C-alpha atoms as a PDB file:
ATOM      1  CA  MET A   1      -3.073  17.794  19.553  1.00  0.00           C
ATOM      2  CA  VAL A   2      -6.583  17.310  18.173  1.00  0.00           C
ATOM      3  CA  GLU A   3      -7.863  20.643  16.800  1.00  0.00           C
ATOM      4  CA  ILE A   4     -11.558  21.392  16.331  1.00  0.00           C
ATOM      5  CA  LYS A   5     -12.181  23.652  13.314  1.00  0.00           C
ATOM      6  CA  ILE A   6     -15.319  25.789  13.441  1.00  0.00           C
ATOM      7  CA  GLY A   7     -17.431  26.767  10.432  1.00  0.00           C
ATOM      8  CA  HIS A   8     -20.293  29.244  10.092  1.00  0.00           C
ATOM      9  CA  CYS A   9     -23.617  29.130   8.265  1.00  0.00           C
ATOM     10  CA  LYS A  10     -27.094  30.640   8.624  1.00  0.00           C
ATOM     11  CA  HIS A  11     -27.702  28.345  11.608  1.00  0.00           C
ATOM     12  CA  GLY A  12     -24.631  29.577  13.461  1.00  0.00           C
ATOM     13  CA  GLU A  13     -21.351  27.853  14.278  1.00  0.00           C
ATOM     14  CA  PHE A  14     -20.734  24.139  13.596  1.00  0.00           C
ATOM     15  CA  ASN A  15     -17.907  21.594  13.721  1.00  0.00           C
ATOM     16  CA  LEU A  16     -16.390  21.470  10.198  1.00  0.00           C
ATOM     17  CA  PHE A  17     -15.598  17.773  10.576  1.00  0.00           C
ATOM     18  CA  GLU A  18     -19.211  16.880  11.438  1.00  0.00           C
ATOM     19  CA  GLY A  19     -21.057  19.490   9.376  1.00  0.00           C
ATOM     20  CA  CYS A  20     -24.118  21.520  10.314  1.00  0.00           C
ATOM     21  CA  PRO A  21     -26.927  19.119  11.353  1.00  0.00           C
ATOM     22  CA  GLN A  22     -29.659  21.484  10.111  1.00  0.00           C
ATOM     23  CA  CYS A  23     -27.996  21.927   6.701  1.00  0.00           C
ATOM     24  CA  ILE A  24     -27.471  18.180   6.312  1.00  0.00           C
ATOM     25  CA  ALA A  25     -31.094  17.486   7.236  1.00  0.00           C
ATOM     26  CA  GLY A  26     -32.297  20.147   4.793  1.00  0.00           C
ATOM     27  CA  LYS A  27     -30.190  18.779   1.944  1.00  0.00           C
ATOM     28  CA  TYR A  28     -31.478  15.265   2.625  1.00  0.00           C
ATOM     29  CA  SER A  29     -35.109  16.414   2.607  1.00  0.00           C
ATOM     30  CA  GLN A  30     -34.596  18.312  -0.673  1.00  0.00           C
ATOM     31  CA  SER A  31     -32.988  15.332  -2.424  1.00  0.00           C
ATOM     32  CA  THR A  32     -35.375  12.619  -1.183  1.00  0.00           C
ATOM     33  CA  GLY A  33     -38.575  14.442  -0.273  1.00  0.00           C
ATOM     34  CA  ASN A  34     -38.559  12.620   3.049  1.00  0.00           C
ATOM     35  CA  ALA A  35     -37.643  13.551   6.559  1.00  0.00           C
ATOM     36  CA  PRO A  36     -34.009  12.731   7.397  1.00  0.00           C
ATOM     37  CA  PRO A  37     -33.577   9.279   8.989  1.00  0.00           C
ATOM     38  CA  THR A  38     -32.361   8.936  12.502  1.00  0.00           C
ATOM     39  CA  VAL A  39     -28.743   8.279  13.376  1.00  0.00           C
ATOM     40  CA  GLY A  40     -27.998   4.560  13.291  1.00  0.00           C
ATOM     41  CA  SER A  41     -29.989   3.822  10.120  1.00  0.00           C
ATOM     42  CA  THR A  42     -28.194   2.701   6.951  1.00  0.00           C
ATOM     43  CA  THR A  43     -28.637   6.088   5.205  1.00  0.00           C
ATOM     44  CA  ALA A  44     -28.339   8.569   8.053  1.00  0.00           C
ATOM     45  CA  PRO A  45     -25.519  11.150   7.928  1.00  0.00           C
ATOM     46  CA  LEU A  46     -23.170  10.878  10.872  1.00  0.00           C
ATOM     47  CA  ILE A  47     -24.125  13.628  13.337  1.00  0.00           C
ATOM     48  CA  THR A  48     -22.829  13.751  16.868  1.00  0.00           C
ATOM     49  CA  THR A  49     -22.985  16.225  19.725  1.00  0.00           C
ATOM     50  CA  GLU A  50     -20.021  14.651  21.466  1.00  0.00           C
ATOM     51  CA  VAL A  51     -17.497  17.215  22.740  1.00  0.00           C
ATOM     52  CA  VAL A  52     -13.902  16.558  21.621  1.00  0.00           C
ATOM     53  CA  ILE A  53     -11.268  17.732  24.099  1.00  0.00           C
ATOM     54  CA  PRO A  54      -7.744  18.356  22.734  1.00  0.00           C
ATOM     55  CA  ILE A  55      -5.228  16.033  24.405  1.00  0.00           C
ATOM     56  CA  GLU A  56      -1.454  16.110  24.144  1.00  0.00           C
ATOM     57  CA  ILE A  57       0.244  12.714  24.440  1.00  0.00           C
ATOM     58  CA  PRO A  58       4.029  12.620  24.861  1.00  0.00           C
ATOM     59  CA  THR A  59       5.723  10.508  22.166  1.00  0.00           C
ATOM     60  CA  THR A  60       9.379  11.449  22.750  1.00  0.00           C
ATOM     61  CA  LEU A  61      11.964   8.670  22.563  1.00  0.00           C
ATOM     62  CA  VAL A  62      15.338   8.898  24.248  1.00  0.00           C
ATOM     63  CA  LEU A  63      18.036   8.804  21.555  1.00  0.00           C
ATOM     64  CA  VAL A  64      21.350   7.275  22.598  1.00  0.00           C
ATOM     65  CA  LYS A  65      24.269   7.862  20.229  1.00  0.00           C
ATOM     66  CA  PRO A  66      26.672   4.913  19.742  1.00  0.00           C
ATOM     67  CA  GLU A  67      29.656   7.249  19.366  1.00  0.00           C
ATOM     68  CA  ALA A  68      29.108   8.361  22.965  1.00  0.00           C
ATOM     69  CA  SER A  69      29.867   4.829  24.238  1.00  0.00           C
ATOM     70  CA  PRO A  70      33.510   4.280  25.388  1.00  0.00           C
ATOM     71  CA  GLU A  71      33.187   0.555  24.635  1.00  0.00           C
ATOM     72  CA  ILE A  72      32.074   1.096  21.049  1.00  0.00           C
ATOM     73  CA  MET A  73      34.725   3.752  20.479  1.00  0.00           C
ATOM     74  CA  SER A  74      37.339   1.299  21.791  1.00  0.00           C
ATOM     75  CA  PHE A  75      36.168  -1.223  19.196  1.00  0.00           C
ATOM     76  CA  TYR A  76      36.363   1.503  16.550  1.00  0.00           C
ATOM     77  CA  ASN A  77      39.922   2.495  17.451  1.00  0.00           C
ATOM     78  CA  GLN A  78      41.027  -1.155  17.336  1.00  0.00           C
ATOM     79  CA  ALA A  79      39.327  -1.494  13.963  1.00  0.00           C
ATOM     80  CA  VAL A  80      41.212   1.518  12.594  1.00  0.00           C
ATOM     81  CA  ARG A  81      44.565  -0.002  13.615  1.00  0.00           C
ATOM     82  CA  LEU A  82      43.594  -3.408  12.198  1.00  0.00           C
ATOM     83  CA  ARG A  83      42.673  -1.745   8.908  1.00  0.00           C
ATOM     84  CA  GLU A  84      46.132  -0.122   8.787  1.00  0.00           C
ATOM     85  CA  PHE A  85      47.757  -3.512   9.407  1.00  0.00           C
ATOM     86  CA  ALA A  86      45.587  -5.075   6.693  1.00  0.00           C
ATOM     87  CA  GLU A  87      46.545  -2.405   4.166  1.00  0.00           C
ATOM     88  CA  ALA A  88      50.266  -2.833   4.933  1.00  0.00           C
ATOM     89  CA  ARG A  89      50.199  -6.646   5.058  1.00  0.00           C
ATOM     90  CA  ILE A  90      52.071  -8.634   2.389  1.00  0.00           C
ATOM     91  CA  ILE A  91      51.521 -12.406   2.069  1.00  0.00           C
ATOM     92  CA  LEU A  92      54.273 -14.175   0.163  1.00  0.00           C
ATOM     93  CA  THR A  93      54.669 -17.510   1.990  1.00  0.00           C
ATOM     94  CA  ASN A  94      52.632 -19.985   3.990  1.00  0.00           C
ATOM     95  CA  ASP A  95      54.248 -18.619   7.173  1.00  0.00           C
ATOM     96  CA  ASP A  96      52.797 -15.202   6.340  1.00  0.00           C
ATOM     97  CA  LEU A  97      49.326 -16.741   6.567  1.00  0.00           C
ATOM     98  CA  LYS A  98      49.595 -17.428  10.312  1.00  0.00           C
ATOM     99  CA  PRO A  99      49.731 -13.783  11.570  1.00  0.00           C
ATOM    100  CA  ALA A 100      47.134 -12.880   8.931  1.00  0.00           C
ATOM    101  CA  ASN A 101      44.928 -15.675  10.284  1.00  0.00           C
ATOM    102  CA  ASP A 102      45.343 -14.405  13.870  1.00  0.00           C
ATOM    103  CA  ASP A 103      44.440 -10.863  12.827  1.00  0.00           C
ATOM    104  CA  LEU A 104      41.445 -12.147  10.881  1.00  0.00           C
ATOM    105  CA  VAL A 105      40.175 -13.987  13.994  1.00  0.00           C
ATOM    106  CA  ILE A 106      40.496 -10.749  16.000  1.00  0.00           C
ATOM    107  CA  ILE A 107      38.803  -8.778  13.206  1.00  0.00           C
ATOM    108  CA  ARG A 108      35.869 -11.175  13.109  1.00  0.00           C
ATOM    109  CA  ARG A 109      35.490 -11.057  16.908  1.00  0.00           C
ATOM    110  CA  ILE A 110      35.426  -7.250  16.944  1.00  0.00           C
ATOM    111  CA  LYS A 111      33.101  -7.227  13.948  1.00  0.00           C
ATOM    112  CA  LYS A 112      30.699  -9.592  15.719  1.00  0.00           C
ATOM    113  CA  ALA A 113      30.865  -7.594  18.973  1.00  0.00           C
ATOM    114  CA  MET A 114      30.126  -4.318  17.157  1.00  0.00           C
ATOM    115  CA  GLU A 115      27.232  -5.917  15.277  1.00  0.00           C
ATOM    116  CA  GLU A 116      25.756  -7.201  18.545  1.00  0.00           C
ATOM    117  CA  LYS A 117      26.060  -3.717  20.055  1.00  0.00           C
ATOM    118  CA  ARG A 118      24.318  -2.248  17.010  1.00  0.00           C
ATOM    119  CA  LYS A 119      21.441  -4.671  17.499  1.00  0.00           C
ATOM    120  CA  ASP A 120      21.298  -3.792  21.213  1.00  0.00           C
ATOM    121  CA  TYR A 121      20.959  -0.100  20.345  1.00  0.00           C
ATOM    122  CA  LEU A 122      18.281  -0.689  17.730  1.00  0.00           C
ATOM    123  CA  LYS A 123      16.202  -3.319  19.537  1.00  0.00           C
ATOM    124  CA  PRO A 124      14.234  -0.917  21.815  1.00  0.00           C
ATOM    125  CA  PHE A 125      13.337   1.252  18.823  1.00  0.00           C
ATOM    126  CA  GLN A 126      12.473  -1.736  16.644  1.00  0.00           C
ATOM    127  CA  ASP A 127      10.314  -3.184  19.427  1.00  0.00           C
ATOM    128  CA  HIS A 128       8.600   0.179  19.838  1.00  0.00           C
ATOM    129  CA  VAL A 129       7.979   0.452  16.084  1.00  0.00           C
ATOM    130  CA  LYS A 130       6.560  -3.080  15.963  1.00  0.00           C
ATOM    131  CA  GLU A 131       4.323  -2.510  18.994  1.00  0.00           C
ATOM    132  CA  THR A 132       3.108   0.797  17.562  1.00  0.00           C
ATOM    133  CA  ASN A 133       2.386  -0.726  14.144  1.00  0.00           C
ATOM    134  CA  ASP A 134       0.583  -3.694  15.705  1.00  0.00           C
ATOM    135  CA  ALA A 135      -1.505  -1.406  17.922  1.00  0.00           C
ATOM    136  CA  TYR A 136      -2.377   0.947  15.078  1.00  0.00           C
ATOM    137  CA  LYS A 137      -3.249  -1.945  12.781  1.00  0.00           C
ATOM    138  CA  LYS A 138      -5.906  -2.965  15.308  1.00  0.00           C
ATOM    139  CA  LEU A 139      -7.035   0.598  16.030  1.00  0.00           C
ATOM    140  CA  MET A 140      -7.315   1.413  12.315  1.00  0.00           C
ATOM    141  CA  GLU A 141      -9.426  -1.656  11.463  1.00  0.00           C
ATOM    142  CA  PRO A 142     -12.876   0.012  11.882  1.00  0.00           C
ATOM    143  CA  ILE A 143     -11.999   3.106   9.840  1.00  0.00           C
ATOM    144  CA  GLU A 144     -10.249   1.048   7.143  1.00  0.00           C
ATOM    145  CA  GLU A 145     -13.290  -1.228   6.882  1.00  0.00           C
ATOM    146  CA  ALA A 146     -15.638   1.764   6.770  1.00  0.00           C
ATOM    147  CA  ASP A 147     -13.552   3.265   3.976  1.00  0.00           C
ATOM    148  CA  LYS A 148     -13.450  -0.024   2.035  1.00  0.00           C
ATOM    149  CA  ILE A 149     -17.182  -0.706   2.415  1.00  0.00           C
ATOM    150  CA  THR A 150     -18.313   2.817   1.486  1.00  0.00           C
ATOM    151  CA  ALA A 151     -15.956   3.179  -1.488  1.00  0.00           C
ATOM    152  CA  GLY A 152     -16.862  -0.355  -2.608  1.00  0.00           C
ATOM    153  CA  LYS A 153     -20.561   0.414  -2.633  1.00  0.00           C
ATOM    154  CA  MET A 154     -19.980   3.646  -4.576  1.00  0.00           C
ATOM    155  CA  LEU A 155     -17.914   1.782  -7.188  1.00  0.00           C
ATOM    156  CA  ALA A 156     -20.460  -1.045  -7.382  1.00  0.00           C
ATOM    157  CA  PHE A 157     -23.245   1.493  -7.996  1.00  0.00           C
ATOM    158  CA  ASP A 158     -21.205   3.061 -10.797  1.00  0.00           C
ATOM    159  CA  VAL A 159     -20.588  -0.354 -12.399  1.00  0.00           C
ATOM    160  CA  GLU A 160     -24.295  -1.237 -12.243  1.00  0.00           C
ATOM    161  CA  GLN A 161     -25.376   2.121 -13.724  1.00  0.00           C
ATOM    162  CA  LYS A 162     -22.952   1.702 -16.625  1.00  0.00           C
ATOM    163  CA  ARG A 163     -24.214  -1.859 -17.178  1.00  0.00           C
ATOM    164  CA  LYS A 164     -27.799  -0.643 -17.405  1.00  0.00           C
ATOM    165  CA  ILE A 165     -26.811   2.109 -19.845  1.00  0.00           C
ATOM    166  CA  ARG A 166     -24.945  -0.392 -22.042  1.00  0.00           C
ATOM    167  CA  GLU A 167     -27.939  -2.752 -21.975  1.00  0.00           C
ATOM    168  CA  ALA A 168     -30.327   0.049 -22.983  1.00  0.00           C
ATOM    169  CA  GLU A 169     -28.006   1.103 -25.821  1.00  0.00           C
ATOM    170  CA  ALA A 170     -27.762  -2.519 -27.001  1.00  0.00           C
ATOM    171  CA  ILE A 171     -31.586  -2.783 -27.077  1.00  0.00           C
ATOM    172  CA  GLU A 172     -31.809   0.450 -29.086  1.00  0.00           C
ATOM    173  CA  ALA A 173     -29.215  -0.870 -31.555  1.00  0.00           C
ATOM    174  CA  GLU A 174     -31.180  -4.124 -31.964  1.00  0.00           C
ATOM    175  CA  LYS A 175     -34.417  -2.183 -32.519  1.00  0.00           C
ATOM    176  CA  TYR A 176     -32.731   0.009 -35.127  1.00  0.00           C
ATOM    177  CA  GLU A 177     -31.345  -3.051 -36.944  1.00  0.00           C
ATOM    178  CA  LEU A 178     -34.806  -4.709 -36.929  1.00  0.00           C
ATOM    179  CA  ALA A 179     -36.389  -1.509 -38.226  1.00  0.00           C
ATOM    180  CA  LYS A 180     -33.806  -1.348 -41.007  1.00  0.00           C
ATOM    181  CA  ARG A 181     -34.541  -4.936 -42.041  1.00  0.00           C
ATOM    182  CA  GLU A 182     -38.321  -4.298 -41.868  1.00  0.00           C
ATOM    183  CA  ALA A 183     -37.979  -1.213 -44.071  1.00  0.00           C
ATOM    184  CA  GLU A 184     -36.058  -3.224 -46.660  1.00  0.00           C
ATOM    185  CA  LEU A 185     -38.718  -5.935 -46.545  1.00  0.00           C
ATOM    186  CA  LYS A 186     -41.775  -3.639 -46.699  1.00  0.00           C
ATOM    187  CA  GLY A 187     -40.471  -0.962 -49.016  1.00  0.00           C
ATOM    188  CA  GLY A 188     -39.686   1.593 -46.371  1.00  0.00           C
ATOM    189  CA  GLU A 189     -42.552   0.895 -43.961  1.00  0.00           C
ATOM    190  CA  ILE A 190     -41.521   0.693 -40.298  1.00  0.00           C
ATOM    191  CA  THR A 191     -43.820  -0.479 -37.517  1.00  0.00           C
ATOM    192  CA  ILE A 192     -41.171  -1.072 -34.831  1.00  0.00           C
ATOM    193  CA  ASP A 193     -41.209   1.451 -31.990  1.00  0.00           C
ATOM    194  CA  LEU A 194     -37.905   3.358 -32.147  1.00  0.00           C
ATOM    195  CA  THR A 195     -38.563   5.394 -29.015  1.00  0.00           C
ATOM    196  CA  PRO A 196     -35.279   5.615 -27.033  1.00  0.00           C
ATOM    197  CA  VAL A 197     -35.098   3.238 -24.095  1.00  0.00           C
ATOM    198  CA  ASP A 198     -35.122   4.908 -20.710  1.00  0.00           C
ATOM    199  CA  LYS A 199     -31.589   4.939 -19.318  1.00  0.00           C
ATOM    200  CA  PRO A 200     -30.418   5.598 -15.768  1.00  0.00           C
ATOM    201  CA  GLU A 201     -28.442   8.747 -15.149  1.00  0.00           C
ATOM    202  CA  ASP A 202     -24.713   8.201 -15.491  1.00  0.00           C
ATOM    203  CA  VAL A 203     -22.675   8.621 -12.295  1.00  0.00           C
ATOM    204  CA  PRO A 204     -20.851  11.986 -12.269  1.00  0.00           C
ATOM    205  CA  ARG A 205     -17.058  11.969 -12.356  1.00  0.00           C
ATOM    206  CA  MET A 206     -17.026  14.169  -9.253  1.00  0.00           C
ATOM    207  CA  VAL A 207     -19.464  13.891  -6.344  1.00  0.00           C
ATOM    208  CA  ARG A 208     -19.742  17.065  -4.275  1.00  0.00           C
ATOM    209  CA  GLY A 209     -21.183  16.954  -0.772  1.00  0.00           C
ATOM    210  CA  LEU A 210     -21.281  19.107   2.339  1.00  0.00           C
ATOM    211  CA  MET A 211     -18.058  17.615   3.704  1.00  0.00           C
ATOM    212  CA  GLY A 212     -15.997  17.565   0.512  1.00  0.00           C
ATOM    213  CA  ASN A 213     -15.659  15.940  -2.901  1.00  0.00           C
ATOM    214  CA  SER A 214     -14.872  12.458  -4.179  1.00  0.00           C
ATOM    215  CA  GLY A 215     -14.231  11.034  -7.600  1.00  0.00           C
ATOM    216  CA  GLN A 216     -12.816   8.007  -9.341  1.00  0.00           C
ATOM    217  CA  ARG A 217      -9.119   7.803 -10.219  1.00  0.00           C
ATOM    218  CA  GLU A 218      -7.802   5.326 -12.766  1.00  0.00           C
ATOM    219  CA  ASN A 219      -5.658   2.547 -11.284  1.00  0.00           C
ATOM    220  CA  TRP A 220      -4.468   0.233 -14.036  1.00  0.00           C
ATOM    221  CA  THR A 221      -2.978  -3.095 -12.922  1.00  0.00           C
ATOM    222  CA  TYR A 222      -2.569  -6.580 -14.413  1.00  0.00           C
ATOM    223  CA  GLU A 223      -3.275 -10.297 -14.033  1.00  0.00           C
ATOM    224  CA  ILE A 224      -1.371 -13.157 -15.665  1.00  0.00           C
ATOM    225  CA  ILE A 225      -3.628 -15.284 -17.879  1.00  0.00           C
ATOM    226  CA  ASP A 226      -0.929 -17.320 -19.711  1.00  0.00           C
ATOM    227  CA  VAL A 227       2.522 -17.439 -18.115  1.00  0.00           C
ATOM    228  CA  ASP A 228       4.035 -19.207 -21.148  1.00  0.00           C
ATOM    229  CA  ALA A 229       3.054 -16.334 -23.427  1.00  0.00           C
ATOM    230  CA  ILE A 230       4.795 -13.613 -21.375  1.00  0.00           C
ATOM    231  CA  PRO A 231       7.666 -11.980 -23.364  1.00  0.00           C
ATOM    232  CA  ARG A 232      11.181 -12.693 -22.090  1.00  0.00           C
ATOM    233  CA  GLU A 233      11.846  -9.056 -21.119  1.00  0.00           C
ATOM    234  CA  TYR A 234       9.014  -9.281 -18.550  1.00  0.00           C
ATOM    235  CA  MET A 235      10.413 -12.396 -16.870  1.00  0.00           C
ATOM    236  CA  MET A 236      12.627 -12.439 -13.749  1.00  0.00           C
ATOM    237  CA  PRO A 237      14.939 -15.301 -12.675  1.00  0.00           C
ATOM    238  CA  ASP A 238      14.001 -17.120  -9.456  1.00  0.00           C
ATOM    239  CA  ASN A 239      17.057 -16.146  -7.393  1.00  0.00           C
ATOM    240  CA  SER A 240      16.015 -18.219  -4.383  1.00  0.00           C
ATOM    241  CA  MET A 241      15.685 -21.413  -6.441  1.00  0.00           C
ATOM    242  CA  LEU A 242      18.946 -20.806  -8.314  1.00  0.00           C
ATOM    243  CA  SER A 243      20.854 -20.106  -5.078  1.00  0.00           C
ATOM    244  CA  SER A 244      19.412 -23.253  -3.482  1.00  0.00           C
ATOM    245  CA  THR A 245      20.393 -25.311  -6.533  1.00  0.00           C
ATOM    246  CA  ALA A 246      23.955 -23.939  -6.407  1.00  0.00           C
ATOM    247  CA  ARG A 247      24.328 -24.749  -2.699  1.00  0.00           C
ATOM    248  CA  THR A 248      22.828 -28.240  -3.033  1.00  0.00           C
ATOM    249  CA  TYR A 249      24.167 -29.501  -6.351  1.00  0.00           C
ATOM    250  CA  HIS A 250      27.157 -27.188  -6.938  1.00  0.00           C
ATOM    251  CA  ASP A 251      27.829 -27.445 -10.704  1.00  0.00           C
ATOM    252  CA  LYS A 252      26.445 -30.992 -11.087  1.00  0.00           C
ATOM    253  CA  LYS A 253      22.901 -29.997 -12.056  1.00  0.00           C
ATOM    254  CA  PRO A 254      22.937 -28.007 -15.305  1.00  0.00           C
ATOM    255  CA  VAL A 255      20.326 -25.323 -15.904  1.00  0.00           C
ATOM    256  CA  ALA A 256      20.024 -23.836 -19.385  1.00  0.00           C
ATOM    257  CA  GLY A 257      21.400 -20.295 -19.510  1.00  0.00           C
ATOM    258  CA  VAL A 258      23.004 -20.479 -16.037  1.00  0.00           C
ATOM    259  CA  ARG A 259      26.629 -21.090 -14.945  1.00  0.00           C
ATOM    260  CA  PHE A 260      27.142 -22.361 -11.398  1.00  0.00           C
ATOM    261  CA  TYR A 261      30.567 -21.554  -9.945  1.00  0.00           C
ATOM    262  CA  ASN A 262      32.351 -21.546  -6.584  1.00  0.00           C
ATOM    263  CA  LYS A 263      33.135 -18.209  -4.941  1.00  0.00           C
ATOM    264  CA  PRO A 264      35.027 -19.157  -1.752  1.00  0.00           C
ATOM    265  CA  SER A 265      35.316 -16.984   1.353  1.00  0.00           C
ATOM    266  CA  ILE A 266      37.523 -17.214   4.455  1.00  0.00           C
ATOM    267  CA  VAL A 267      35.885 -18.466   7.672  1.00  0.00           C
ATOM    268  CA  THR A 268      37.478 -18.380  11.112  1.00  0.00           C
ATOM    269  CA  ARG A 269      37.116 -20.590  14.195  1.00  0.00           C
ATOM    270  CA  ARG A 270      38.375 -20.156  17.728  1.00  0.00           C
END
């Protein structure tokens, strides 16, 4: 259910999500000295008089338990008996392989049937999850883009302000160095203007507005600039390539530091 939260100020009640239009307009006028721009401009605060009506949408899924299915429980009971036979089985001769082979064929058939049933039970839920994710990915595009664009512009402004401050500090350092050299040359006389260079105001770590606060959070990451220089402990074997090499070349294609070996398994056919 969508819930509308109400706030109060000197102008009366207002929607907390949207803010008080009069307060927003007043804050804008105080900070810029201009009348607030109209909605739709690039700097206008988002103000709407649209009425939001709470709506309840049913999202219940019918859960079907596999253990309630007689067919699946029949498979389970057969599997329990086959496990008992497997635990008690002793293979001493080639003739002992034949009944073991027959049981293994039955085991694989039941295993396959139970796996197919599992997929049948999960498919409606998996389809629903996929459809929901696909729908929400489309529905979330505008708000994700708005978030990315707004945050990107705030970060870009911060980067530019810091660049200007660094440039001003570099100019001041150069002027100081020139003044030092001039003083050494002229016996202490300095004609270079050492007045500090005007710098832009640094961006605050926390920005506080009518609707809430925002601030930068560190997010350290990495990029590889020389793969050959990466220490061994940070490297990971390519499992896909090694597995493909083992299947294709067996042990005929040596790879330094790797041993290829055969690990056979039993397969069954009808």
